[in-house]
């Protein structure tokens, strides 16, 4: 797996990452969503450097300019519900992309700490021979990401696969490296220390879905 860590060099990305973690800033859910969206825009820009481009000539009022445009057929797919603000950030930059949405959650049988991943709702266009961008803010154990990707590739074979996460734990990255093909690109805004006994990322930021949209039952 080809891994890209984006926060290693100082940039405005680190500014927004700090804000989404800050317990005082987090109280404003609209600001939290907007910061996740802006992080998505920055990640989309960085990821765009790895895409294919084709030559293009455009006519201006005063002549012709030779330039390039993205050649990939992009499909953005986010994991509900936490992935929605990040998805929007990517869509702000990849405005011609097709869009897919998948639900995945941890199912704790009898309220035990052990869990399995349930993948249910899917609304996804064809990914056959297209560039799939799988988007989710948090990469904890990695099990949700692998389960969703396995479901998606049952219906089509993408030409490229990029996974984009805001905060990742080393355990999640190791799980992806063990269970996914080497040609996949993983884009990580920032890497955290690890997981606690409940498999939550430390220091993390809490539940991204709750912070964006309110607590759930």
N, C-alpha and C. Protein backbone atom coordinates (compact mmCIF):
# COMPACT_ATOMS: atom_id res chain seq x y z
N UNK A 1 0.84 -1.20 0.00
CA UNK A 1 0.00 0.00 0.00
C UNK A 1 0.87 1.24 0.00
N UNK A 2 0.48 2.22 -0.80
CA UNK A 2 1.21 3.48 -0.88
C UNK A 2 0.53 4.49 0.05
N UNK A 3 1.25 4.93 1.08
CA UNK A 3 0.67 5.78 2.12
C UNK A 3 1.22 7.19 2.00
N UNK A 4 0.32 8.16 2.06
CA UNK A 4 0.69 9.58 1.97
C UNK A 4 0.26 10.27 3.27
N UNK A 5 1.23 10.77 4.03
CA UNK A 5 0.95 11.49 5.26
C UNK A 5 1.03 13.00 4.96
N UNK A 6 -0.06 13.71 5.17
CA UNK A 6 -0.15 15.08 4.69
C UNK A 6 0.20 16.14 5.72
N UNK A 7 0.23 15.80 7.00
CA UNK A 7 0.45 16.82 8.02
C UNK A 7 1.90 16.92 8.47
N UNK A 8 2.79 16.18 7.83
CA UNK A 8 4.18 16.18 8.25
C UNK A 8 4.84 17.54 8.03
N UNK A 9 4.44 18.25 6.97
CA UNK A 9 4.93 19.61 6.72
C UNK A 9 3.86 20.59 7.21
N UNK A 10 4.28 21.64 7.89
CA UNK A 10 3.34 22.63 8.41
C UNK A 10 2.58 23.31 7.28
N UNK A 11 1.27 23.40 7.44
CA UNK A 11 0.42 24.11 6.49
C UNK A 11 -0.88 24.45 7.21
N UNK A 12 -1.78 25.11 6.52
CA UNK A 12 -3.08 25.44 7.10
C UNK A 12 -3.86 24.17 7.45
N UNK A 13 -3.50 23.04 6.86
CA UNK A 13 -4.14 21.77 7.23
C UNK A 13 -4.03 21.52 8.73
N UNK A 14 -2.84 21.74 9.30
CA UNK A 14 -2.65 21.51 10.73
C UNK A 14 -3.50 22.46 11.57
N UNK A 15 -3.73 23.66 11.07
CA UNK A 15 -4.60 24.63 11.75
C UNK A 15 -6.01 24.06 11.89
N UNK A 16 -6.55 23.54 10.80
CA UNK A 16 -7.90 22.98 10.83
C UNK A 16 -7.96 21.69 11.64
N UNK A 17 -6.90 20.88 11.57
CA UNK A 17 -6.86 19.66 12.38
C UNK A 17 -6.90 19.99 13.87
N UNK A 18 -6.21 21.04 14.26
CA UNK A 18 -6.25 21.46 15.66
C UNK A 18 -7.63 21.89 16.09
N UNK A 19 -8.34 22.59 15.21
CA UNK A 19 -9.66 23.08 15.55
C UNK A 19 -10.68 21.95 15.71
N UNK A 20 -10.62 20.93 14.87
CA UNK A 20 -11.61 19.85 14.99
C UNK A 20 -11.38 19.01 16.23
N UNK A 21 -10.20 19.06 16.82
CA UNK A 21 -9.91 18.32 18.04
C UNK A 21 -10.27 19.12 19.30
N UNK A 22 -10.26 20.43 19.21
CA UNK A 22 -10.40 21.31 20.37
C UNK A 22 -11.81 21.20 20.96
N UNK A 23 -11.91 20.80 22.23
CA UNK A 23 -13.22 20.56 22.83
C UNK A 23 -14.06 21.82 22.91
N UNK A 24 -13.43 22.99 22.91
CA UNK A 24 -14.19 24.24 22.96
C UNK A 24 -14.72 24.62 21.57
N UNK A 25 -13.90 24.42 20.55
CA UNK A 25 -14.34 24.71 19.19
C UNK A 25 -15.38 23.68 18.74
N UNK A 26 -15.26 22.45 19.22
CA UNK A 26 -16.17 21.38 18.83
C UNK A 26 -17.63 21.67 19.20
N UNK A 27 -17.86 22.55 20.16
CA UNK A 27 -19.23 22.84 20.59
C UNK A 27 -20.07 23.46 19.47
N UNK A 28 -19.41 24.03 18.49
CA UNK A 28 -20.09 24.63 17.33
C UNK A 28 -20.09 23.59 16.22
N UNK A 29 -21.20 22.86 16.06
CA UNK A 29 -21.25 21.78 15.08
C UNK A 29 -21.12 22.29 13.65
N UNK A 30 -21.63 23.50 13.38
CA UNK A 30 -21.51 24.04 12.03
C UNK A 30 -20.03 24.30 11.69
N UNK A 31 -19.29 24.83 12.66
CA UNK A 31 -17.86 25.06 12.44
C UNK A 31 -17.11 23.75 12.29
N UNK A 32 -17.50 22.74 13.08
CA UNK A 32 -16.86 21.43 12.95
C UNK A 32 -17.06 20.88 11.54
N UNK A 33 -18.30 20.93 11.04
CA UNK A 33 -18.57 20.43 9.69
C UNK A 33 -17.76 21.20 8.66
N UNK A 34 -17.71 22.51 8.81
CA UNK A 34 -16.98 23.34 7.83
C UNK A 34 -15.49 23.04 7.87
N UNK A 35 -14.93 22.82 9.05
CA UNK A 35 -13.51 22.49 9.14
C UNK A 35 -13.20 21.14 8.51
N UNK A 36 -14.08 20.15 8.72
CA UNK A 36 -13.90 18.86 8.06
C UNK A 36 -13.98 19.03 6.54
N UNK A 37 -14.92 19.86 6.10
CA UNK A 37 -15.06 20.13 4.67
C UNK A 37 -13.78 20.76 4.12
N UNK A 38 -13.22 21.73 4.84
CA UNK A 38 -11.99 22.38 4.37
C UNK A 38 -10.81 21.42 4.35
N UNK A 39 -10.76 20.51 5.33
CA UNK A 39 -9.72 19.47 5.31
C UNK A 39 -9.90 18.60 4.07
N UNK A 40 -11.15 18.29 3.72
CA UNK A 40 -11.42 17.53 2.50
C UNK A 40 -10.93 18.24 1.26
N UNK A 41 -11.10 19.55 1.22
CA UNK A 41 -10.63 20.32 0.07
C UNK A 41 -9.11 20.25 -0.05
N UNK A 42 -8.42 20.38 1.08
CA UNK A 42 -6.96 20.30 1.06
C UNK A 42 -6.49 18.92 0.63
N UNK A 43 -7.15 17.89 1.15
CA UNK A 43 -6.78 16.52 0.78
C UNK A 43 -7.05 16.25 -0.70
N UNK A 44 -8.17 16.80 -1.20
CA UNK A 44 -8.48 16.64 -2.62
C UNK A 44 -7.39 17.27 -3.48
N UNK A 45 -6.93 18.45 -3.09
CA UNK A 45 -5.86 19.12 -3.84
C UNK A 45 -4.59 18.27 -3.86
N UNK A 46 -4.20 17.74 -2.69
CA UNK A 46 -2.99 16.92 -2.62
C UNK A 46 -3.16 15.64 -3.44
N UNK A 47 -4.32 15.01 -3.33
CA UNK A 47 -4.57 13.78 -4.08
C UNK A 47 -4.59 14.04 -5.58
N UNK A 48 -5.03 15.22 -5.98
CA UNK A 48 -5.13 15.54 -7.41
C UNK A 48 -3.77 15.48 -8.11
N UNK A 49 -2.70 15.65 -7.36
CA UNK A 49 -1.37 15.59 -7.94
C UNK A 49 -1.00 14.20 -8.42
N UNK A 50 -1.74 13.19 -7.94
CA UNK A 50 -1.44 11.81 -8.28
C UNK A 50 -2.35 11.26 -9.38
N UNK A 51 -3.26 12.10 -9.89
CA UNK A 51 -4.19 11.66 -10.92
C UNK A 51 -3.58 11.80 -12.31
N UNK A 52 -4.26 11.25 -13.30
CA UNK A 52 -3.83 11.37 -14.70
C UNK A 52 -4.45 12.62 -15.32
N UNK A 53 -3.74 13.20 -16.26
CA UNK A 53 -4.22 14.43 -16.92
C UNK A 53 -4.11 14.29 -18.43
N UNK A 54 -4.96 15.03 -19.12
CA UNK A 54 -4.93 15.05 -20.57
C UNK A 54 -4.83 16.48 -21.07
N UNK A 55 -4.23 16.65 -22.25
CA UNK A 55 -4.05 17.98 -22.82
C UNK A 55 -5.39 18.55 -23.27
N UNK A 56 -5.48 19.87 -23.17
CA UNK A 56 -6.72 20.56 -23.51
C UNK A 56 -6.39 21.94 -24.05
N UNK A 57 -7.11 22.33 -25.08
CA UNK A 57 -6.98 23.70 -25.61
C UNK A 57 -8.29 24.43 -25.35
N UNK A 58 -8.20 25.60 -24.73
CA UNK A 58 -9.39 26.39 -24.45
C UNK A 58 -9.29 27.74 -25.16
N UNK A 59 -10.42 28.20 -25.60
CA UNK A 59 -10.48 29.49 -26.29
C UNK A 59 -10.82 30.58 -25.30
N UNK A 60 -9.97 31.59 -25.23
CA UNK A 60 -10.21 32.75 -24.38
C UNK A 60 -10.71 33.90 -25.27
N UNK A 61 -11.14 35.02 -24.69
CA UNK A 61 -11.54 36.16 -25.52
C UNK A 61 -10.43 36.70 -26.42
N UNK A 62 -9.16 36.34 -26.08
CA UNK A 62 -8.04 36.91 -26.82
C UNK A 62 -7.16 35.87 -27.51
N UNK A 63 -7.55 34.61 -27.47
CA UNK A 63 -6.72 33.60 -28.13
C UNK A 63 -7.02 32.21 -27.62
N UNK A 64 -6.00 31.33 -27.73
CA UNK A 64 -6.14 29.93 -27.34
C UNK A 64 -5.05 29.61 -26.31
N UNK A 65 -5.44 28.92 -25.26
CA UNK A 65 -4.49 28.52 -24.22
C UNK A 65 -4.46 27.00 -24.13
N UNK A 66 -3.25 26.43 -24.16
CA UNK A 66 -3.07 24.99 -24.02
C UNK A 66 -2.84 24.67 -22.54
N UNK A 67 -3.63 23.76 -22.00
CA UNK A 67 -3.55 23.42 -20.58
C UNK A 67 -3.85 21.94 -20.41
N UNK A 68 -4.20 21.52 -19.22
CA UNK A 68 -4.54 20.12 -18.95
C UNK A 68 -5.79 20.06 -18.07
N UNK A 69 -6.43 18.89 -18.08
CA UNK A 69 -7.55 18.64 -17.18
C UNK A 69 -7.50 17.19 -16.72
N UNK A 70 -8.19 16.90 -15.62
CA UNK A 70 -8.18 15.55 -15.06
C UNK A 70 -8.76 14.56 -16.07
N UNK A 71 -8.05 13.46 -16.27
CA UNK A 71 -8.50 12.44 -17.21
C UNK A 71 -9.28 11.32 -16.52
N UNK A 72 -9.09 11.15 -15.22
CA UNK A 72 -9.75 10.06 -14.50
C UNK A 72 -11.26 10.27 -14.42
N UNK A 73 -11.99 9.17 -14.50
CA UNK A 73 -13.42 9.18 -14.16
C UNK A 73 -13.51 8.88 -12.67
N UNK A 74 -13.87 9.88 -11.89
CA UNK A 74 -13.83 9.77 -10.44
C UNK A 74 -15.19 9.37 -9.87
N UNK A 75 -15.14 8.49 -8.87
CA UNK A 75 -16.32 8.16 -8.07
C UNK A 75 -15.95 8.41 -6.61
N UNK A 76 -16.61 9.38 -5.98
CA UNK A 76 -16.42 9.64 -4.56
C UNK A 76 -17.42 8.80 -3.78
N UNK A 77 -16.94 8.06 -2.81
CA UNK A 77 -17.83 7.22 -2.00
C UNK A 77 -17.50 7.44 -0.53
N UNK A 78 -18.49 7.88 0.25
CA UNK A 78 -18.26 8.11 1.66
C UNK A 78 -19.09 7.17 2.51
N UNK A 79 -18.61 6.96 3.73
CA UNK A 79 -19.28 6.08 4.68
C UNK A 79 -20.16 6.94 5.58
N UNK A 80 -21.46 6.65 5.57
CA UNK A 80 -22.43 7.43 6.34
C UNK A 80 -22.25 7.17 7.84
N UNK A 81 -22.55 8.23 8.67
CA UNK A 81 -22.92 9.57 8.29
C UNK A 81 -21.75 10.53 8.42
N UNK A 82 -20.72 10.06 9.16
CA UNK A 82 -19.59 10.92 9.49
C UNK A 82 -18.84 11.39 8.25
N UNK A 83 -18.91 10.63 7.16
CA UNK A 83 -18.15 10.97 5.96
C UNK A 83 -18.72 12.10 5.14
N UNK A 84 -19.94 12.57 5.45
CA UNK A 84 -20.61 13.54 4.58
C UNK A 84 -19.88 14.88 4.48
N UNK A 85 -19.45 15.53 5.58
CA UNK A 85 -18.74 16.81 5.42
C UNK A 85 -17.42 16.66 4.66
N UNK A 86 -16.71 15.57 4.89
CA UNK A 86 -15.46 15.32 4.17
C UNK A 86 -15.74 15.09 2.70
N UNK A 87 -16.81 14.35 2.42
CA UNK A 87 -17.25 14.11 1.04
C UNK A 87 -17.49 15.43 0.32
N UNK A 88 -18.17 16.35 0.99
CA UNK A 88 -18.47 17.64 0.38
C UNK A 88 -17.20 18.40 0.04
N UNK A 89 -16.20 18.33 0.91
CA UNK A 89 -14.93 18.98 0.63
C UNK A 89 -14.27 18.45 -0.63
N UNK A 90 -14.28 17.14 -0.80
CA UNK A 90 -13.74 16.54 -2.02
C UNK A 90 -14.57 16.94 -3.23
N UNK A 91 -15.89 16.97 -3.07
CA UNK A 91 -16.76 17.29 -4.19
C UNK A 91 -16.62 18.75 -4.61
N UNK A 92 -16.25 19.63 -3.69
CA UNK A 92 -16.01 21.03 -4.05
C UNK A 92 -14.88 21.16 -5.07
N UNK A 93 -13.94 20.21 -5.03
CA UNK A 93 -12.81 20.26 -5.97
C UNK A 93 -13.00 19.33 -7.15
N UNK A 94 -13.60 18.17 -6.91
CA UNK A 94 -13.84 17.21 -8.00
C UNK A 94 -15.32 17.29 -8.37
N UNK A 95 -15.73 18.41 -8.94
CA UNK A 95 -17.16 18.69 -9.13
C UNK A 95 -17.79 17.84 -10.23
N UNK A 96 -16.98 17.21 -11.08
CA UNK A 96 -17.54 16.32 -12.11
C UNK A 96 -17.62 14.87 -11.66
N UNK A 97 -17.24 14.59 -10.41
CA UNK A 97 -17.20 13.21 -9.93
C UNK A 97 -18.62 12.67 -9.73
N UNK A 98 -18.75 11.35 -9.91
CA UNK A 98 -19.96 10.66 -9.50
C UNK A 98 -19.87 10.39 -7.99
N UNK A 99 -21.02 10.10 -7.37
CA UNK A 99 -21.05 10.03 -5.92
C UNK A 99 -21.75 8.77 -5.43
N UNK A 100 -21.18 8.16 -4.39
CA UNK A 100 -21.76 6.99 -3.77
C UNK A 100 -21.76 7.13 -2.26
N UNK A 101 -22.69 6.40 -1.61
CA UNK A 101 -22.83 6.47 -0.16
C UNK A 101 -23.13 5.07 0.39
N UNK A 102 -22.43 4.71 1.46
CA UNK A 102 -22.57 3.39 2.06
C UNK A 102 -22.68 3.56 3.58
N UNK A 103 -23.55 2.77 4.21
CA UNK A 103 -23.61 2.80 5.67
C UNK A 103 -22.83 1.62 6.23
N UNK A 104 -22.07 1.89 7.29
CA UNK A 104 -21.33 0.85 7.99
C UNK A 104 -21.26 1.22 9.46
N UNK A 105 -21.41 0.23 10.33
CA UNK A 105 -21.35 0.53 11.75
C UNK A 105 -20.86 -0.69 12.52
N UNK A 106 -20.40 -0.44 13.74
CA UNK A 106 -19.96 -1.50 14.63
C UNK A 106 -21.19 -2.12 15.30
N UNK A 107 -21.34 -3.41 15.16
CA UNK A 107 -22.45 -4.12 15.81
C UNK A 107 -21.91 -4.90 17.00
N UNK A 108 -22.31 -4.47 18.20
CA UNK A 108 -21.88 -5.11 19.44
C UNK A 108 -22.97 -6.08 19.89
N UNK A 109 -22.75 -7.35 19.74
CA UNK A 109 -23.72 -8.34 20.17
C UNK A 109 -23.72 -8.42 21.70
N UNK A 110 -24.89 -8.31 22.30
CA UNK A 110 -25.07 -8.37 23.76
C UNK A 110 -24.24 -7.31 24.48
N UNK A 111 -24.02 -6.15 23.79
CA UNK A 111 -23.29 -5.02 24.39
C UNK A 111 -21.87 -5.38 24.82
N UNK A 112 -21.28 -6.34 24.17
CA UNK A 112 -19.90 -6.71 24.47
C UNK A 112 -18.94 -5.76 23.77
N UNK A 113 -17.68 -5.75 24.23
CA UNK A 113 -16.67 -4.91 23.58
C UNK A 113 -16.35 -5.41 22.18
N UNK A 114 -16.42 -6.72 21.98
CA UNK A 114 -16.17 -7.28 20.65
C UNK A 114 -17.29 -6.85 19.70
N UNK A 115 -16.93 -6.67 18.43
CA UNK A 115 -17.93 -6.21 17.46
C UNK A 115 -17.63 -6.77 16.08
N UNK A 116 -18.65 -6.72 15.23
CA UNK A 116 -18.48 -7.00 13.82
C UNK A 116 -19.00 -5.80 13.04
N UNK A 117 -18.59 -5.70 11.78
CA UNK A 117 -18.99 -4.56 10.96
C UNK A 117 -20.21 -4.93 10.12
N UNK A 118 -21.25 -4.11 10.22
CA UNK A 118 -22.44 -4.29 9.41
C UNK A 118 -22.42 -3.25 8.28
N UNK A 119 -22.45 -3.72 7.04
CA UNK A 119 -22.55 -2.85 5.87
C UNK A 119 -23.94 -3.05 5.29
N UNK A 120 -24.74 -1.99 5.27
CA UNK A 120 -26.14 -2.16 4.85
C UNK A 120 -26.47 -1.28 3.65
N UNK A 121 -26.91 -0.05 3.88
CA UNK A 121 -27.37 0.81 2.79
C UNK A 121 -26.25 1.10 1.80
N UNK A 122 -26.55 0.96 0.51
CA UNK A 122 -25.59 1.28 -0.54
C UNK A 122 -26.30 2.01 -1.67
N UNK A 123 -25.80 3.17 -2.02
CA UNK A 123 -26.27 3.91 -3.20
C UNK A 123 -25.02 4.36 -3.95
N UNK A 124 -24.58 3.52 -4.88
CA UNK A 124 -23.28 3.71 -5.51
C UNK A 124 -23.41 3.51 -7.02
N UNK A 125 -22.83 4.41 -7.82
CA UNK A 125 -22.83 4.20 -9.28
C UNK A 125 -21.84 3.12 -9.66
N UNK A 126 -21.77 2.82 -10.94
CA UNK A 126 -20.78 1.85 -11.41
C UNK A 126 -19.37 2.36 -11.14
N UNK A 127 -18.53 1.48 -10.62
CA UNK A 127 -17.11 1.83 -10.40
C UNK A 127 -16.21 1.11 -11.37
N UNK A 128 -16.78 0.39 -12.32
CA UNK A 128 -16.00 -0.39 -13.27
C UNK A 128 -15.04 0.49 -14.07
N UNK A 129 -13.74 0.20 -13.97
CA UNK A 129 -12.68 0.90 -14.69
C UNK A 129 -12.64 2.40 -14.39
N UNK A 130 -13.12 2.78 -13.23
CA UNK A 130 -13.07 4.17 -12.80
C UNK A 130 -12.13 4.32 -11.61
N UNK A 131 -11.88 5.56 -11.20
CA UNK A 131 -11.03 5.84 -10.04
C UNK A 131 -11.92 6.03 -8.82
N UNK A 132 -11.82 5.10 -7.88
CA UNK A 132 -12.65 5.12 -6.68
C UNK A 132 -11.92 5.84 -5.56
N UNK A 133 -12.59 6.84 -4.97
CA UNK A 133 -12.08 7.54 -3.79
C UNK A 133 -13.00 7.20 -2.62
N UNK A 134 -12.51 6.40 -1.70
CA UNK A 134 -13.29 5.98 -0.54
C UNK A 134 -12.93 6.88 0.64
N UNK A 135 -13.94 7.54 1.23
CA UNK A 135 -13.72 8.65 2.14
C UNK A 135 -14.36 8.38 3.49
N UNK A 136 -13.60 8.58 4.58
CA UNK A 136 -14.14 8.46 5.93
C UNK A 136 -13.22 9.24 6.87
N UNK A 137 -13.76 10.03 7.80
CA UNK A 137 -12.88 10.84 8.65
C UNK A 137 -11.92 10.04 9.53
N UNK A 138 -12.39 8.89 10.08
CA UNK A 138 -11.61 8.18 11.09
C UNK A 138 -11.24 6.77 10.61
N UNK A 139 -9.99 6.42 10.77
CA UNK A 139 -9.52 5.06 10.50
C UNK A 139 -9.02 4.50 11.83
N UNK A 140 -9.86 3.74 12.51
CA UNK A 140 -9.51 3.19 13.83
C UNK A 140 -8.96 1.78 13.67
N UNK A 141 -9.83 0.77 13.69
CA UNK A 141 -9.35 -0.61 13.50
C UNK A 141 -9.11 -0.94 12.04
N UNK A 142 -9.75 -0.20 11.14
CA UNK A 142 -9.64 -0.49 9.71
C UNK A 142 -10.67 -1.47 9.20
N UNK A 143 -11.42 -2.08 10.11
CA UNK A 143 -12.36 -3.12 9.70
C UNK A 143 -13.51 -2.58 8.86
N UNK A 144 -14.02 -1.40 9.20
CA UNK A 144 -15.11 -0.81 8.41
C UNK A 144 -14.66 -0.52 6.99
N UNK A 145 -13.46 0.04 6.86
CA UNK A 145 -12.96 0.39 5.54
C UNK A 145 -12.81 -0.84 4.65
N UNK A 146 -12.26 -1.90 5.21
CA UNK A 146 -12.07 -3.12 4.44
C UNK A 146 -13.41 -3.75 4.09
N UNK A 147 -14.35 -3.76 5.04
CA UNK A 147 -15.66 -4.36 4.79
C UNK A 147 -16.40 -3.60 3.69
N UNK A 148 -16.35 -2.27 3.72
CA UNK A 148 -17.02 -1.47 2.70
C UNK A 148 -16.37 -1.68 1.34
N UNK A 149 -15.05 -1.65 1.29
CA UNK A 149 -14.36 -1.82 0.01
C UNK A 149 -14.64 -3.19 -0.58
N UNK A 150 -14.67 -4.20 0.24
CA UNK A 150 -14.97 -5.54 -0.25
C UNK A 150 -16.37 -5.61 -0.85
N UNK A 151 -17.33 -4.91 -0.24
CA UNK A 151 -18.68 -4.86 -0.79
C UNK A 151 -18.71 -4.14 -2.13
N UNK A 152 -17.97 -3.05 -2.23
CA UNK A 152 -17.98 -2.26 -3.46
C UNK A 152 -17.39 -3.02 -4.63
N UNK A 153 -16.27 -3.71 -4.41
CA UNK A 153 -15.61 -4.37 -5.53
C UNK A 153 -16.34 -5.64 -5.97
N UNK A 154 -17.35 -6.06 -5.19
CA UNK A 154 -18.20 -7.15 -5.66
C UNK A 154 -19.00 -6.74 -6.89
N UNK A 155 -19.21 -5.43 -7.05
CA UNK A 155 -20.07 -4.92 -8.12
C UNK A 155 -19.28 -4.28 -9.26
N UNK A 156 -17.97 -4.22 -9.15
CA UNK A 156 -17.18 -3.62 -10.22
C UNK A 156 -15.71 -3.60 -9.86
N UNK A 157 -14.89 -3.46 -10.87
CA UNK A 157 -13.44 -3.48 -10.70
C UNK A 157 -12.87 -2.11 -11.06
N UNK A 158 -12.60 -1.24 -10.08
CA UNK A 158 -12.07 0.08 -10.39
C UNK A 158 -10.64 0.00 -10.92
N UNK A 159 -10.27 0.98 -11.74
CA UNK A 159 -8.91 1.02 -12.28
C UNK A 159 -7.92 1.51 -11.23
N UNK A 160 -8.38 2.36 -10.30
CA UNK A 160 -7.55 2.86 -9.21
C UNK A 160 -8.41 2.95 -7.96
N UNK A 161 -7.78 2.80 -6.81
CA UNK A 161 -8.47 2.96 -5.53
C UNK A 161 -7.64 3.87 -4.63
N UNK A 162 -8.28 4.93 -4.15
CA UNK A 162 -7.67 5.84 -3.17
C UNK A 162 -8.56 5.86 -1.94
N UNK A 163 -7.97 5.72 -0.77
CA UNK A 163 -8.68 5.83 0.50
C UNK A 163 -8.20 7.10 1.19
N UNK A 164 -9.14 7.93 1.64
CA UNK A 164 -8.80 9.21 2.27
C UNK A 164 -9.40 9.27 3.66
N UNK A 165 -8.56 9.48 4.68
CA UNK A 165 -9.02 9.59 6.07
C UNK A 165 -8.37 10.81 6.71
N UNK A 166 -9.06 11.39 7.68
CA UNK A 166 -8.51 12.55 8.38
C UNK A 166 -7.56 12.11 9.48
N UNK A 167 -8.05 11.26 10.38
CA UNK A 167 -7.25 10.80 11.52
C UNK A 167 -7.16 9.27 11.47
N UNK A 168 -5.95 8.76 11.56
CA UNK A 168 -5.73 7.31 11.50
C UNK A 168 -4.95 6.83 12.72
N UNK A 169 -5.24 5.60 13.13
CA UNK A 169 -4.45 4.91 14.15
C UNK A 169 -3.50 3.94 13.46
N UNK A 170 -2.32 3.72 14.03
CA UNK A 170 -1.39 2.76 13.42
C UNK A 170 -2.00 1.38 13.24
N UNK A 171 -2.86 0.96 14.19
CA UNK A 171 -3.49 -0.35 14.09
C UNK A 171 -4.36 -0.47 12.84
N UNK A 172 -5.07 0.62 12.53
CA UNK A 172 -5.92 0.62 11.34
C UNK A 172 -5.12 0.55 10.06
N UNK A 173 -4.02 1.27 10.03
CA UNK A 173 -3.16 1.24 8.85
C UNK A 173 -2.58 -0.16 8.66
N UNK A 174 -2.15 -0.79 9.75
CA UNK A 174 -1.61 -2.15 9.65
C UNK A 174 -2.66 -3.13 9.15
N UNK A 175 -3.91 -2.96 9.61
CA UNK A 175 -4.99 -3.85 9.17
C UNK A 175 -5.23 -3.69 7.67
N UNK A 176 -5.21 -2.46 7.18
CA UNK A 176 -5.39 -2.24 5.75
C UNK A 176 -4.24 -2.85 4.96
N UNK A 177 -3.03 -2.70 5.45
CA UNK A 177 -1.87 -3.26 4.75
C UNK A 177 -1.96 -4.78 4.67
N UNK A 178 -2.56 -5.41 5.67
CA UNK A 178 -2.67 -6.86 5.69
C UNK A 178 -3.80 -7.39 4.81
N UNK A 179 -4.85 -6.57 4.60
CA UNK A 179 -6.06 -7.08 3.96
C UNK A 179 -6.38 -6.45 2.61
N UNK A 180 -5.60 -5.47 2.18
CA UNK A 180 -5.89 -4.82 0.90
C UNK A 180 -4.70 -4.93 -0.04
N UNK A 181 -4.93 -4.84 -1.35
CA UNK A 181 -3.83 -4.95 -2.33
C UNK A 181 -2.81 -3.83 -2.21
N UNK A 182 -1.61 -4.11 -2.66
CA UNK A 182 -0.50 -3.16 -2.54
C UNK A 182 -0.69 -1.90 -3.39
N UNK A 183 -1.48 -1.99 -4.47
CA UNK A 183 -1.57 -0.85 -5.38
C UNK A 183 -2.47 0.26 -4.86
N UNK A 184 -3.19 0.04 -3.77
CA UNK A 184 -4.10 1.05 -3.23
C UNK A 184 -3.32 2.19 -2.59
N UNK A 185 -3.81 3.42 -2.78
CA UNK A 185 -3.24 4.61 -2.14
C UNK A 185 -4.04 4.95 -0.89
N UNK A 186 -3.36 5.20 0.22
CA UNK A 186 -3.99 5.66 1.45
C UNK A 186 -3.51 7.07 1.76
N UNK A 187 -4.45 8.00 1.86
CA UNK A 187 -4.15 9.40 2.14
C UNK A 187 -4.58 9.71 3.57
N UNK A 188 -3.62 10.09 4.42
CA UNK A 188 -3.87 10.32 5.84
C UNK A 188 -3.53 11.77 6.18
N UNK A 189 -4.53 12.50 6.67
CA UNK A 189 -4.24 13.88 7.07
C UNK A 189 -3.30 13.89 8.27
N UNK A 190 -3.57 13.03 9.27
CA UNK A 190 -2.68 12.97 10.44
C UNK A 190 -2.76 11.61 11.10
N UNK A 191 -1.65 11.18 11.68
CA UNK A 191 -1.53 9.88 12.35
C UNK A 191 -1.51 10.09 13.86
N UNK A 192 -2.36 9.32 14.58
CA UNK A 192 -2.43 9.44 16.04
C UNK A 192 -1.67 8.30 16.73
N UNK A 193 -1.75 8.29 18.07
CA UNK A 193 -0.92 7.39 18.86
C UNK A 193 -1.37 5.93 18.77
N UNK A 194 -2.68 5.69 18.82
CA UNK A 194 -3.16 4.31 18.81
C UNK A 194 -4.60 4.23 19.27
N UNK A 195 -5.03 3.02 19.64
CA UNK A 195 -6.40 2.76 20.07
C UNK A 195 -6.43 2.46 21.56
N UNK A 196 -7.56 2.82 22.22
CA UNK A 196 -7.74 2.44 23.61
C UNK A 196 -8.43 1.08 23.70
N UNK A 197 -8.84 0.69 24.89
CA UNK A 197 -9.42 -0.64 25.09
C UNK A 197 -10.76 -0.82 24.38
N UNK A 198 -11.41 0.28 24.01
CA UNK A 198 -12.68 0.21 23.26
C UNK A 198 -12.48 0.44 21.76
N UNK A 199 -11.23 0.45 21.34
CA UNK A 199 -10.87 0.65 19.93
C UNK A 199 -11.25 2.03 19.42
N UNK A 200 -11.18 3.04 20.30
CA UNK A 200 -11.33 4.43 19.90
C UNK A 200 -9.94 5.04 19.74
N UNK A 201 -9.81 5.96 18.77
CA UNK A 201 -8.51 6.56 18.49
C UNK A 201 -8.13 7.54 19.61
N UNK A 202 -6.89 7.44 20.08
CA UNK A 202 -6.33 8.33 21.09
C UNK A 202 -5.18 9.13 20.50
N UNK A 203 -5.12 10.48 20.66
CA UNK A 203 -6.10 11.33 21.33
C UNK A 203 -7.38 11.57 20.52
N UNK A 204 -7.34 11.35 19.22
CA UNK A 204 -8.54 11.43 18.39
C UNK A 204 -9.27 12.74 18.50
N UNK A 205 -10.60 12.65 18.39
CA UNK A 205 -11.43 13.85 18.55
C UNK A 205 -12.83 13.54 19.09
N UNK A 206 -13.12 12.27 19.34
CA UNK A 206 -14.47 11.88 19.73
C UNK A 206 -15.17 11.23 18.55
N UNK A 207 -16.50 11.27 18.57
CA UNK A 207 -17.31 10.70 17.50
C UNK A 207 -17.58 11.76 16.44
N UNK A 208 -16.99 11.59 15.27
CA UNK A 208 -17.09 12.60 14.23
C UNK A 208 -18.53 12.80 13.77
N UNK A 209 -19.30 11.72 13.69
CA UNK A 209 -20.69 11.84 13.28
C UNK A 209 -21.51 12.63 14.28
N UNK A 210 -21.32 12.36 15.57
CA UNK A 210 -22.05 13.09 16.60
C UNK A 210 -21.65 14.56 16.62
N UNK A 211 -20.37 14.84 16.47
CA UNK A 211 -19.91 16.23 16.47
C UNK A 211 -20.47 17.02 15.29
N UNK A 212 -20.65 16.33 14.16
CA UNK A 212 -21.15 17.01 12.97
C UNK A 212 -22.66 17.17 12.98
N UNK A 213 -23.38 16.14 13.50
CA UNK A 213 -24.83 16.10 13.31
C UNK A 213 -25.64 15.89 14.58
N UNK A 214 -25.00 15.78 15.74
CA UNK A 214 -25.71 15.58 16.99
C UNK A 214 -25.66 14.14 17.45
N UNK A 215 -25.93 13.95 18.73
CA UNK A 215 -25.85 12.61 19.32
C UNK A 215 -26.95 11.70 18.76
N UNK A 216 -26.62 10.43 18.68
CA UNK A 216 -27.59 9.42 18.23
C UNK A 216 -27.98 8.52 19.39
N UNK A 217 -29.08 7.81 19.24
CA UNK A 217 -29.50 6.89 20.29
C UNK A 217 -28.57 5.69 20.36
